[in-house]
Each structure stands twice: as structure tokens, then as C-alpha cells.
Amino acid sequence: MAISSLLIGQDVSLNRVLDFYLLEGLISQEHASLIAAFAFATMAILAGLSIKSDKAQKLLAICLLIISVTPLFTLLDSSRWIAELGGFPAIGSGQGIIKYFALMAIAIHLFYAHNMTLRQQQWVQLFPVVLVLLWIGGMKFTEIEAQGIEDLVRSSPLMSWMYHLWSVQTASNLIGIYDLIALGLLVLSVYFQRVLWLGILMAGAVMLTTQTFLFTWPPALSSDTVLSSGGQFLIKDLWFVANLVLFTCLAIKQSKQAQLRD
């Protein structure tokens, strides 16, 4: 993300952020790309250091909050929504923005985990995953989203077979149904441990399958910028994998404590 942000040059997403904060005339596109690259590089370095340093964890939490909150506020801009579908909650470019809730959840954990119960910590990590599965999964039932993912699905040896069996819309509907089932299992797993691994596997499969598009969908990668803007959108799903890993660890810890009480 850092390298791509530095090399990508003129980027619509950065322009929208600058416009929202009325900074377009104050910060050039080049400087905005440099700031974004520095932020992501700092986050990566702090993530590595935080493995052994509590101080680095606090700095990482601050970094994550800044990186997540800055784009999330732009959801207040009408340009993030699909006007032809009535605006909110028909999400357009905001699909990439809501993924920043994943970073916010990790930041909250680093800051406040000691003040929360294990169940509360689980919900914090679950929220961004549930949000993206519900929102983007729900959009799969619309024609505009079905057509939007067509090139991605056709490029994938894991998913292209769906179009041999069903129409573009029906295949999209089935993907949406899968997302909603995974969502339901994750929510149930907070209270019923027996469905935990099924929910984790189904939700994790969504995020990891998205990563395969980086190698099967030609526009995802660029010789000039490593990741294109589309590639950046795809790789952000790795943040949800981090949420799922943390959620799983918390769920296992909750289960062990319950067994000790019994």
C-alpha cells in the first residue's frame, strides 16, 4: 500500500479526500500521495515493532486511528453513494472506505482491551467483518454490483465456473447469499462456540478469495505502481483477516474461561 500510494500519482480516491477536507488547493496530489505512503509505511513498521514492544503498540494504535478515521469521515460525502439507486445505503466508491473500520477495530483493541470484557472485544473485531459482509454482500443483489464484479469473477479459476451454470445476476445473488450466511454464523458463534470454525472458514474464504483476484484480474497489478487503485481495494481485505484472527483468539479464550468456571 505504501509503495503503491507513493507511485500511483493522480488518484481519484485521494482527490476525493482532499476535496472533502477542502484541501485541494492547499495540498498537491503529489504531496497527498507522499503523506499516504508515509502513513502506510509507518503503520507497517510499527506493526512489526509492536510484536515485542508495548510502546510501539500504543503508537500503532494512534497511527491506525488516524489512517482509518481520515477516509471514514468522507462517507458523509454524497459522492460515496450511488445516486441512481437512491443514495445511502447504496454504496459506490465507499466500498473501499468502509474497509477502514477493520483498522479502527484493531486500534480500539490496542487502546482499550484492558477496559473491556472478552465478549465486548469479540464484538469490536466482529463489527467490521459483519459490516462489510452485510453491506457489500447485500449489494450483490443489485444489477450494478453484479455487473461490477463480473470481470473479477470471470478472471478467477475458483469462481468463473459460476457463469457456466447461472446468469451474471444469479451468480452475484448466490455470492451475496453466501456472504450473509457467513455473517450469520459469525454472529451466532459469539454465543454458540460449535459454529465458530464454520463461520471463520466461510468468512475467511471470502477475504482470501478476494486476494486471488490480485493475480487473476489483470488491472489489479501495475508495472508502474505495483498495485493499481483496484488492487489496493482488493488487498484491504487482508485487514479483515486480522480481525478474524483476533476474534478467533478471543473466542477461544472466552471458551476456556467458561470451562474453568464450570
C-alpha atoms as a PDB file:
ATOM      1  CA  MET A   1       0.000   0.000   0.000  1.00  0.00           C
ATOM      2  CA  ALA A   2       2.802   2.407   0.874  1.00  0.00           C
ATOM      3  CA  ILE A   3       4.748   1.811  -2.328  1.00  0.00           C
ATOM      4  CA  SER A   4       1.625   1.950  -4.478  1.00  0.00           C
ATOM      5  CA  SER A   5       0.402   5.141  -2.813  1.00  0.00           C
ATOM      6  CA  LEU A   6       3.778   6.745  -3.494  1.00  0.00           C
ATOM      7  CA  LEU A   7       3.907   5.726  -7.151  1.00  0.00           C
ATOM      8  CA  ILE A   8       0.259   5.934  -8.159  1.00  0.00           C
ATOM      9  CA  GLY A   9       0.313   9.660  -8.971  1.00  0.00           C
ATOM     10  CA  GLN A  10      -3.100  11.078  -9.846  1.00  0.00           C
ATOM     11  CA  ASP A  11      -5.596   9.066  -7.809  1.00  0.00           C
ATOM     12  CA  VAL A  12      -9.339   9.627  -7.665  1.00  0.00           C
ATOM     13  CA  SER A  13      -9.594   8.372  -4.074  1.00  0.00           C
ATOM     14  CA  LEU A  14      -7.006  10.855  -2.804  1.00  0.00           C
ATOM     15  CA  ASN A  15      -8.649  13.651  -4.757  1.00  0.00           C
ATOM     16  CA  ARG A  16     -11.974  12.909  -3.069  1.00  0.00           C
ATOM     17  CA  VAL A  17     -10.362  13.009   0.360  1.00  0.00           C
ATOM     18  CA  LEU A  18      -8.692  16.339  -0.434  1.00  0.00           C
ATOM     19  CA  ASP A  19     -11.975  17.729  -1.770  1.00  0.00           C
ATOM     20  CA  PHE A  20     -13.898  16.607   1.311  1.00  0.00           C
ATOM     21  CA  TYR A  21     -11.487  18.326   3.685  1.00  0.00           C
ATOM     22  CA  LEU A  22     -11.259  21.396   1.410  1.00  0.00           C
ATOM     23  CA  LEU A  23      -7.531  20.820   0.982  1.00  0.00           C
ATOM     24  CA  GLU A  24      -7.347  20.520  -2.790  1.00  0.00           C
ATOM     25  CA  GLY A  25      -5.817  23.966  -3.203  1.00  0.00           C
ATOM     26  CA  LEU A  26      -3.502  23.600  -0.214  1.00  0.00           C
ATOM     27  CA  ILE A  27      -2.036  20.116  -0.748  1.00  0.00           C
ATOM     28  CA  SER A  28      -0.942  18.922  -4.162  1.00  0.00           C
ATOM     29  CA  GLN A  29      -1.737  15.423  -5.428  1.00  0.00           C
ATOM     30  CA  GLU A  30       1.959  14.536  -5.194  1.00  0.00           C
ATOM     31  CA  HIS A  31       2.198  15.631  -1.558  1.00  0.00           C
ATOM     32  CA  ALA A  32      -1.022  13.771  -0.711  1.00  0.00           C
ATOM     33  CA  SER A  33       0.425  10.590  -2.225  1.00  0.00           C
ATOM     34  CA  LEU A  34       3.606  11.099  -0.207  1.00  0.00           C
ATOM     35  CA  ILE A  35       1.620  11.554   3.031  1.00  0.00           C
ATOM     36  CA  ALA A  36      -0.443   8.430   2.343  1.00  0.00           C
ATOM     37  CA  ALA A  37       2.692   6.415   1.570  1.00  0.00           C
ATOM     38  CA  PHE A  38       4.377   7.625   4.761  1.00  0.00           C
ATOM     39  CA  ALA A  39       1.293   6.722   6.829  1.00  0.00           C
ATOM     40  CA  PHE A  40       1.084   3.169   5.476  1.00  0.00           C
ATOM     41  CA  ALA A  41       4.849   2.642   5.795  1.00  0.00           C
ATOM     42  CA  THR A  42       4.746   3.876   9.394  1.00  0.00           C
ATOM     43  CA  MET A  43       1.864   1.520  10.143  1.00  0.00           C
ATOM     44  CA  ALA A  44       3.804  -1.420   8.705  1.00  0.00           C
ATOM     45  CA  ILE A  45       6.946  -0.627  10.696  1.00  0.00           C
ATOM     46  CA  LEU A  46       5.045  -0.125  13.937  1.00  0.00           C
ATOM     47  CA  ALA A  47       3.143  -3.366  13.387  1.00  0.00           C
ATOM     48  CA  GLY A  48       6.439  -5.209  13.265  1.00  0.00           C
ATOM     49  CA  LEU A  49       7.852  -3.423  16.301  1.00  0.00           C
ATOM     50  CA  SER A  50       4.669  -3.933  18.334  1.00  0.00           C
ATOM     51  CA  ILE A  51       5.241  -7.692  18.461  1.00  0.00           C
ATOM     52  CA  LYS A  52       7.749  -7.099  21.249  1.00  0.00           C
ATOM     53  CA  SER A  53       7.111  -3.534  22.359  1.00  0.00           C
ATOM     54  CA  ASP A  54       4.094  -2.241  24.296  1.00  0.00           C
ATOM     55  CA  LYS A  55       5.108   1.324  23.468  1.00  0.00           C
ATOM     56  CA  ALA A  56       5.073   0.509  19.774  1.00  0.00           C
ATOM     57  CA  GLN A  57       1.565  -0.927  20.202  1.00  0.00           C
ATOM     58  CA  LYS A  58       0.285   2.399  21.524  1.00  0.00           C
ATOM     59  CA  LEU A  59       1.931   4.271  18.673  1.00  0.00           C
ATOM     60  CA  LEU A  60       0.471   1.750  16.235  1.00  0.00           C
ATOM     61  CA  ALA A  61      -2.995   2.317  17.696  1.00  0.00           C
ATOM     62  CA  ILE A  62      -2.666   6.081  17.152  1.00  0.00           C
ATOM     63  CA  CYS A  63      -1.442   5.518  13.617  1.00  0.00           C
ATOM     64  CA  LEU A  64      -4.319   3.133  12.872  1.00  0.00           C
ATOM     65  CA  LEU A  65      -6.873   5.617  14.193  1.00  0.00           C
ATOM     66  CA  ILE A  66      -5.542   8.427  12.033  1.00  0.00           C
ATOM     67  CA  ILE A  67      -5.344   6.261   8.924  1.00  0.00           C
ATOM     68  CA  SER A  68      -8.875   4.904   9.448  1.00  0.00           C
ATOM     69  CA  VAL A  69     -10.759   7.977  10.634  1.00  0.00           C
ATOM     70  CA  THR A  70      -9.459  10.264   7.866  1.00  0.00           C
ATOM     71  CA  PRO A  71     -11.150   8.394   4.988  1.00  0.00           C
ATOM     72  CA  LEU A  72     -14.126   7.195   7.058  1.00  0.00           C
ATOM     73  CA  PHE A  73     -15.375  10.755   7.543  1.00  0.00           C
ATOM     74  CA  THR A  74     -15.653  11.080   3.756  1.00  0.00           C
ATOM     75  CA  LEU A  75     -18.602   8.673   3.909  1.00  0.00           C
ATOM     76  CA  LEU A  76     -20.567  11.826   4.741  1.00  0.00           C
ATOM     77  CA  ASP A  77     -19.978  12.958   1.156  1.00  0.00           C
ATOM     78  CA  SER A  78     -22.814  12.119  -1.238  1.00  0.00           C
ATOM     79  CA  SER A  79     -20.288  11.091  -3.902  1.00  0.00           C
ATOM     80  CA  ARG A  80     -19.669   7.861  -1.973  1.00  0.00           C
ATOM     81  CA  TRP A  81     -23.217   6.658  -2.695  1.00  0.00           C
ATOM     82  CA  ILE A  82     -24.939   5.545  -5.900  1.00  0.00           C
ATOM     83  CA  ALA A  83     -27.413   8.317  -6.682  1.00  0.00           C
ATOM     84  CA  GLU A  84     -29.300   6.295  -9.295  1.00  0.00           C
ATOM     85  CA  LEU A  85     -30.156   3.728  -6.604  1.00  0.00           C
ATOM     86  CA  GLY A  86     -31.331   6.386  -4.180  1.00  0.00           C
ATOM     87  CA  GLY A  87     -28.057   7.186  -2.450  1.00  0.00           C
ATOM     88  CA  PHE A  88     -27.449   5.790   1.027  1.00  0.00           C
ATOM     89  CA  PRO A  89     -27.272   2.846   1.664  1.00  0.00           C
ATOM     90  CA  ALA A  90     -26.465   2.046  -1.995  1.00  0.00           C
ATOM     91  CA  ILE A  91     -22.724   2.289  -1.625  1.00  0.00           C
ATOM     92  CA  GLY A  92     -20.389   3.025  -4.508  1.00  0.00           C
ATOM     93  CA  SER A  93     -16.812   4.231  -4.017  1.00  0.00           C
ATOM     94  CA  GLY A  94     -17.470   3.986  -0.291  1.00  0.00           C
ATOM     95  CA  GLN A  95     -16.995   0.199  -0.561  1.00  0.00           C
ATOM     96  CA  GLY A  96     -13.270   0.735  -0.233  1.00  0.00           C
ATOM     97  CA  ILE A  97     -13.751   3.251   2.559  1.00  0.00           C
ATOM     98  CA  ILE A  98     -15.815   1.078   4.918  1.00  0.00           C
ATOM     99  CA  LYS A  99     -12.917  -1.375   4.951  1.00  0.00           C
ATOM    100  CA  TYR A 100     -11.060   1.113   7.159  1.00  0.00           C
ATOM    101  CA  PHE A 101     -13.376   0.087  10.004  1.00  0.00           C
ATOM    102  CA  ALA A 102     -11.158  -3.009  10.199  1.00  0.00           C
ATOM    103  CA  LEU A 103      -8.162  -0.859  11.150  1.00  0.00           C
ATOM    104  CA  MET A 104     -10.244   1.122  13.625  1.00  0.00           C
ATOM    105  CA  ALA A 105     -11.295  -2.089  15.384  1.00  0.00           C
ATOM    106  CA  ILE A 106      -7.664  -3.120  15.822  1.00  0.00           C
ATOM    107  CA  ALA A 107      -6.805   0.348  17.143  1.00  0.00           C
ATOM    108  CA  ILE A 108      -9.631   0.161  19.692  1.00  0.00           C
ATOM    109  CA  HIS A 109      -8.359  -3.230  20.826  1.00  0.00           C
ATOM    110  CA  LEU A 110      -4.821  -1.913  21.313  1.00  0.00           C
ATOM    111  CA  PHE A 111      -6.096   1.110  23.246  1.00  0.00           C
ATOM    112  CA  TYR A 112      -8.956  -0.251  25.353  1.00  0.00           C
ATOM    113  CA  ALA A 113      -8.862  -4.053  25.504  1.00  0.00           C
ATOM    114  CA  HIS A 114      -7.914  -3.935  29.196  1.00  0.00           C
ATOM    115  CA  ASN A 115     -11.139  -2.000  29.899  1.00  0.00           C
ATOM    116  CA  MET A 116     -13.433  -4.379  28.009  1.00  0.00           C
ATOM    117  CA  THR A 117     -14.772  -7.854  28.647  1.00  0.00           C
ATOM    118  CA  LEU A 118     -13.786 -10.630  26.256  1.00  0.00           C
ATOM    119  CA  ARG A 119     -17.293 -10.582  24.784  1.00  0.00           C
ATOM    120  CA  GLN A 120     -17.049  -6.847  24.114  1.00  0.00           C
ATOM    121  CA  GLN A 121     -13.653  -7.314  22.499  1.00  0.00           C
ATOM    122  CA  GLN A 122     -15.129 -10.004  20.258  1.00  0.00           C
ATOM    123  CA  TRP A 123     -17.880  -7.672  19.069  1.00  0.00           C
ATOM    124  CA  VAL A 124     -15.384  -4.914  18.300  1.00  0.00           C
ATOM    125  CA  GLN A 125     -13.449  -7.245  15.985  1.00  0.00           C
ATOM    126  CA  LEU A 126     -16.614  -8.732  14.544  1.00  0.00           C
ATOM    127  CA  PHE A 127     -18.201  -5.392  13.673  1.00  0.00           C
ATOM    128  CA  PRO A 128     -16.102  -4.513  10.571  1.00  0.00           C
ATOM    129  CA  VAL A 129     -16.373  -8.063   9.206  1.00  0.00           C
ATOM    130  CA  VAL A 130     -20.140  -8.159   9.708  1.00  0.00           C
ATOM    131  CA  LEU A 131     -20.459  -4.667   8.249  1.00  0.00           C
ATOM    132  CA  VAL A 132     -18.646  -5.486   5.022  1.00  0.00           C
ATOM    133  CA  LEU A 133     -20.376  -8.852   4.576  1.00  0.00           C
ATOM    134  CA  LEU A 134     -23.786  -7.288   5.175  1.00  0.00           C
ATOM    135  CA  TRP A 135     -23.271  -4.135   3.143  1.00  0.00           C
ATOM    136  CA  ILE A 136     -21.221  -5.305   0.173  1.00  0.00           C
ATOM    137  CA  GLY A 137     -22.842  -8.739   0.327  1.00  0.00           C
ATOM    138  CA  GLY A 138     -26.231  -7.056   0.228  1.00  0.00           C
ATOM    139  CA  MET A 139     -25.175  -5.013  -2.789  1.00  0.00           C
ATOM    140  CA  LYS A 140     -24.615  -8.270  -4.695  1.00  0.00           C
ATOM    141  CA  PHE A 141     -28.375  -8.435  -5.210  1.00  0.00           C
ATOM    142  CA  THR A 142     -28.302  -5.253  -7.314  1.00  0.00           C
ATOM    143  CA  GLU A 143     -27.639  -5.239 -11.044  1.00  0.00           C
ATOM    144  CA  ILE A 144     -24.942  -2.571 -10.815  1.00  0.00           C
ATOM    145  CA  GLU A 145     -22.899  -4.630  -8.339  1.00  0.00           C
ATOM    146  CA  ALA A 146     -23.440  -7.881 -10.253  1.00  0.00           C
ATOM    147  CA  GLN A 147     -22.020  -6.232 -13.348  1.00  0.00           C
ATOM    148  CA  GLY A 148     -19.278  -4.580 -11.305  1.00  0.00           C
ATOM    149  CA  ILE A 149     -17.825  -7.900 -10.134  1.00  0.00           C
ATOM    150  CA  GLU A 150     -18.262  -9.702 -13.463  1.00  0.00           C
ATOM    151  CA  ASP A 151     -14.707  -9.126 -14.696  1.00  0.00           C
ATOM    152  CA  LEU A 152     -13.281 -10.229 -11.349  1.00  0.00           C
ATOM    153  CA  VAL A 153     -15.309 -13.432 -11.248  1.00  0.00           C
ATOM    154  CA  ARG A 154     -14.637 -14.286 -14.904  1.00  0.00           C
ATOM    155  CA  SER A 155     -10.884 -13.944 -14.302  1.00  0.00           C
ATOM    156  CA  SER A 156     -10.895 -16.375 -11.378  1.00  0.00           C
ATOM    157  CA  PRO A 157     -10.411 -20.129 -11.899  1.00  0.00           C
ATOM    158  CA  LEU A 158     -12.075 -20.533  -8.488  1.00  0.00           C
ATOM    159  CA  MET A 159     -15.284 -18.728  -9.459  1.00  0.00           C
ATOM    160  CA  SER A 160     -15.604 -18.376 -13.240  1.00  0.00           C
ATOM    161  CA  TRP A 161     -17.464 -21.700 -13.435  1.00  0.00           C
ATOM    162  CA  MET A 162     -20.460 -19.990 -11.870  1.00  0.00           C
ATOM    163  CA  TYR A 163     -21.200 -18.172 -15.126  1.00  0.00           C
ATOM    164  CA  HIS A 164     -21.383 -21.516 -16.943  1.00  0.00           C
ATOM    165  CA  LEU A 165     -24.256 -22.518 -14.690  1.00  0.00           C
ATOM    166  CA  TRP A 166     -26.047 -19.268 -13.926  1.00  0.00           C
ATOM    167  CA  SER A 167     -26.579 -15.770 -15.248  1.00  0.00           C
ATOM    168  CA  VAL A 168     -24.419 -12.863 -14.069  1.00  0.00           C
ATOM    169  CA  GLN A 169     -27.156 -11.696 -11.698  1.00  0.00           C
ATOM    170  CA  THR A 170     -27.939 -15.152 -10.308  1.00  0.00           C
ATOM    171  CA  ALA A 171     -24.250 -15.836  -9.651  1.00  0.00           C
ATOM    172  CA  SER A 172     -23.986 -12.495  -7.864  1.00  0.00           C
ATOM    173  CA  ASN A 173     -27.093 -13.314  -5.806  1.00  0.00           C
ATOM    174  CA  LEU A 174     -25.544 -16.629  -4.742  1.00  0.00           C
ATOM    175  CA  ILE A 175     -22.340 -14.869  -3.685  1.00  0.00           C
ATOM    176  CA  GLY A 176     -24.470 -12.440  -1.673  1.00  0.00           C
ATOM    177  CA  ILE A 177     -26.334 -15.314  -0.011  1.00  0.00           C
ATOM    178  CA  TYR A 178     -23.017 -16.951   0.877  1.00  0.00           C
ATOM    179  CA  ASP A 179     -21.805 -13.685   2.444  1.00  0.00           C
ATOM    180  CA  LEU A 180     -24.959 -13.381   4.525  1.00  0.00           C
ATOM    181  CA  ILE A 181     -24.733 -16.993   5.732  1.00  0.00           C
ATOM    182  CA  ALA A 182     -21.113 -16.422   6.781  1.00  0.00           C
ATOM    183  CA  LEU A 183     -22.226 -13.270   8.584  1.00  0.00           C
ATOM    184  CA  GLY A 184     -24.981 -15.134  10.428  1.00  0.00           C
ATOM    185  CA  LEU A 185     -22.636 -17.892  11.550  1.00  0.00           C
ATOM    186  CA  LEU A 186     -20.102 -15.387  12.858  1.00  0.00           C
ATOM    187  CA  VAL A 187     -22.738 -13.626  14.922  1.00  0.00           C
ATOM    188  CA  LEU A 188     -24.053 -16.937  16.271  1.00  0.00           C
ATOM    189  CA  SER A 189     -20.528 -18.053  17.145  1.00  0.00           C
ATOM    190  CA  VAL A 190     -20.308 -15.330  19.798  1.00  0.00           C
ATOM    191  CA  TYR A 191     -22.849 -17.330  21.797  1.00  0.00           C
ATOM    192  CA  PHE A 192     -22.541 -20.834  20.291  1.00  0.00           C
ATOM    193  CA  GLN A 193     -18.926 -21.996  20.099  1.00  0.00           C
ATOM    194  CA  ARG A 194     -19.807 -25.006  17.957  1.00  0.00           C
ATOM    195  CA  VAL A 195     -20.350 -22.862  14.831  1.00  0.00           C
ATOM    196  CA  LEU A 196     -17.193 -20.776  15.350  1.00  0.00           C
ATOM    197  CA  TRP A 197     -14.914 -22.590  12.935  1.00  0.00           C
ATOM    198  CA  LEU A 198     -17.527 -22.867  10.208  1.00  0.00           C
ATOM    199  CA  GLY A 199     -18.191 -19.125  10.406  1.00  0.00           C
ATOM    200  CA  ILE A 200     -14.473 -18.320  10.449  1.00  0.00           C
ATOM    201  CA  LEU A 201     -13.771 -20.601   7.479  1.00  0.00           C
ATOM    202  CA  MET A 202     -16.638 -19.189   5.405  1.00  0.00           C
ATOM    203  CA  ALA A 203     -15.808 -15.554   6.161  1.00  0.00           C
ATOM    204  CA  GLY A 204     -12.084 -16.161   5.771  1.00  0.00           C
ATOM    205  CA  ALA A 205     -12.691 -17.793   2.403  1.00  0.00           C
ATOM    206  CA  VAL A 206     -14.361 -14.569   1.225  1.00  0.00           C
ATOM    207  CA  MET A 207     -11.349 -12.454   2.190  1.00  0.00           C
ATOM    208  CA  LEU A 208      -8.733 -14.878   0.892  1.00  0.00           C
ATOM    209  CA  THR A 209     -10.547 -15.497  -2.386  1.00  0.00           C
ATOM    210  CA  THR A 210     -10.508 -11.746  -2.897  1.00  0.00           C
ATOM    211  CA  GLN A 211      -6.694 -11.877  -2.696  1.00  0.00           C
ATOM    212  CA  THR A 212      -6.550 -14.345  -5.588  1.00  0.00           C
ATOM    213  CA  PHE A 213      -8.006 -11.629  -7.840  1.00  0.00           C
ATOM    214  CA  LEU A 214      -4.700  -9.794  -7.415  1.00  0.00           C
ATOM    215  CA  PHE A 215      -3.151 -12.478  -9.620  1.00  0.00           C
ATOM    216  CA  THR A 216      -6.038 -13.367 -11.914  1.00  0.00           C
ATOM    217  CA  TRP A 217      -7.511  -9.929 -12.668  1.00  0.00           C
ATOM    218  CA  PRO A 218      -5.021  -8.093 -14.934  1.00  0.00           C
ATOM    219  CA  PRO A 219      -5.893  -4.499 -13.859  1.00  0.00           C
ATOM    220  CA  ALA A 220      -5.086  -5.291 -10.195  1.00  0.00           C
ATOM    221  CA  LEU A 221      -1.333  -5.037 -10.688  1.00  0.00           C
ATOM    222  CA  SER A 222       0.704  -2.419 -12.489  1.00  0.00           C
ATOM    223  CA  SER A 223       4.351  -2.420 -13.514  1.00  0.00           C
ATOM    224  CA  ASP A 224       4.430   1.289 -12.672  1.00  0.00           C
ATOM    225  CA  THR A 225       2.697   1.311  -9.285  1.00  0.00           C
ATOM    226  CA  VAL A 226       2.788  -2.363  -8.108  1.00  0.00           C
ATOM    227  CA  LEU A 227      -0.896  -2.166  -7.106  1.00  0.00           C
ATOM    228  CA  SER A 228      -3.463  -0.222  -9.093  1.00  0.00           C
ATOM    229  CA  SER A 229      -6.301   1.529  -7.271  1.00  0.00           C
ATOM    230  CA  GLY A 230      -8.326  -1.646  -7.896  1.00  0.00           C
ATOM    231  CA  GLY A 231      -5.517  -3.738  -6.449  1.00  0.00           C
ATOM    232  CA  GLN A 232      -5.455  -1.545  -3.350  1.00  0.00           C
ATOM    233  CA  PHE A 233      -9.194  -2.111  -2.955  1.00  0.00           C
ATOM    234  CA  LEU A 234      -8.677  -5.880  -3.081  1.00  0.00           C
ATOM    235  CA  ILE A 235      -5.699  -6.127  -0.736  1.00  0.00           C
ATOM    236  CA  LYS A 236      -7.539  -4.234   2.010  1.00  0.00           C
ATOM    237  CA  ASP A 237      -9.481  -7.430   2.704  1.00  0.00           C
ATOM    238  CA  LEU A 238      -6.370  -8.708   4.482  1.00  0.00           C
ATOM    239  CA  TRP A 239      -7.294  -6.294   7.270  1.00  0.00           C
ATOM    240  CA  PHE A 240     -10.439  -8.352   7.856  1.00  0.00           C
ATOM    241  CA  VAL A 241      -8.309 -11.479   8.114  1.00  0.00           C
ATOM    242  CA  ALA A 242      -6.536  -9.764  11.020  1.00  0.00           C
ATOM    243  CA  ASN A 243      -9.936  -9.040  12.607  1.00  0.00           C
ATOM    244  CA  LEU A 244     -10.945 -12.683  12.183  1.00  0.00           C
ATOM    245  CA  VAL A 245      -7.707 -13.986  13.698  1.00  0.00           C
ATOM    246  CA  LEU A 246      -8.078 -11.703  16.707  1.00  0.00           C
ATOM    247  CA  PHE A 247     -11.769 -12.582  17.041  1.00  0.00           C
ATOM    248  CA  THR A 248     -10.929 -16.305  16.968  1.00  0.00           C
ATOM    249  CA  CYS A 249      -8.266 -15.935  19.676  1.00  0.00           C
ATOM    250  CA  LEU A 250     -10.706 -14.020  21.845  1.00  0.00           C
ATOM    251  CA  ALA A 251     -13.458 -16.591  21.275  1.00  0.00           C
ATOM    252  CA  ILE A 252     -11.133 -19.449  22.272  1.00  0.00           C
ATOM    253  CA  LYS A 253     -10.054 -17.557  25.382  1.00  0.00           C
ATOM    254  CA  GLN A 254     -13.706 -16.891  26.261  1.00  0.00           C
ATOM    255  CA  SER A 255     -14.488 -20.597  25.868  1.00  0.00           C
ATOM    256  CA  LYS A 256     -11.586 -21.641  28.111  1.00  0.00           C
ATOM    257  CA  GLN A 257     -12.674 -19.237  30.810  1.00  0.00           C
ATOM    258  CA  ALA A 258     -16.219 -20.575  30.619  1.00  0.00           C
ATOM    259  CA  GLN A 259     -14.913 -24.139  31.016  1.00  0.00           C
ATOM    260  CA  LEU A 260     -12.890 -23.152  34.080  1.00  0.00           C
ATOM    261  CA  ARG A 261     -15.977 -21.575  35.666  1.00  0.00           C
ATOM    262  CA  ASP A 262     -17.954 -24.742  35.029  1.00  0.00           C
END
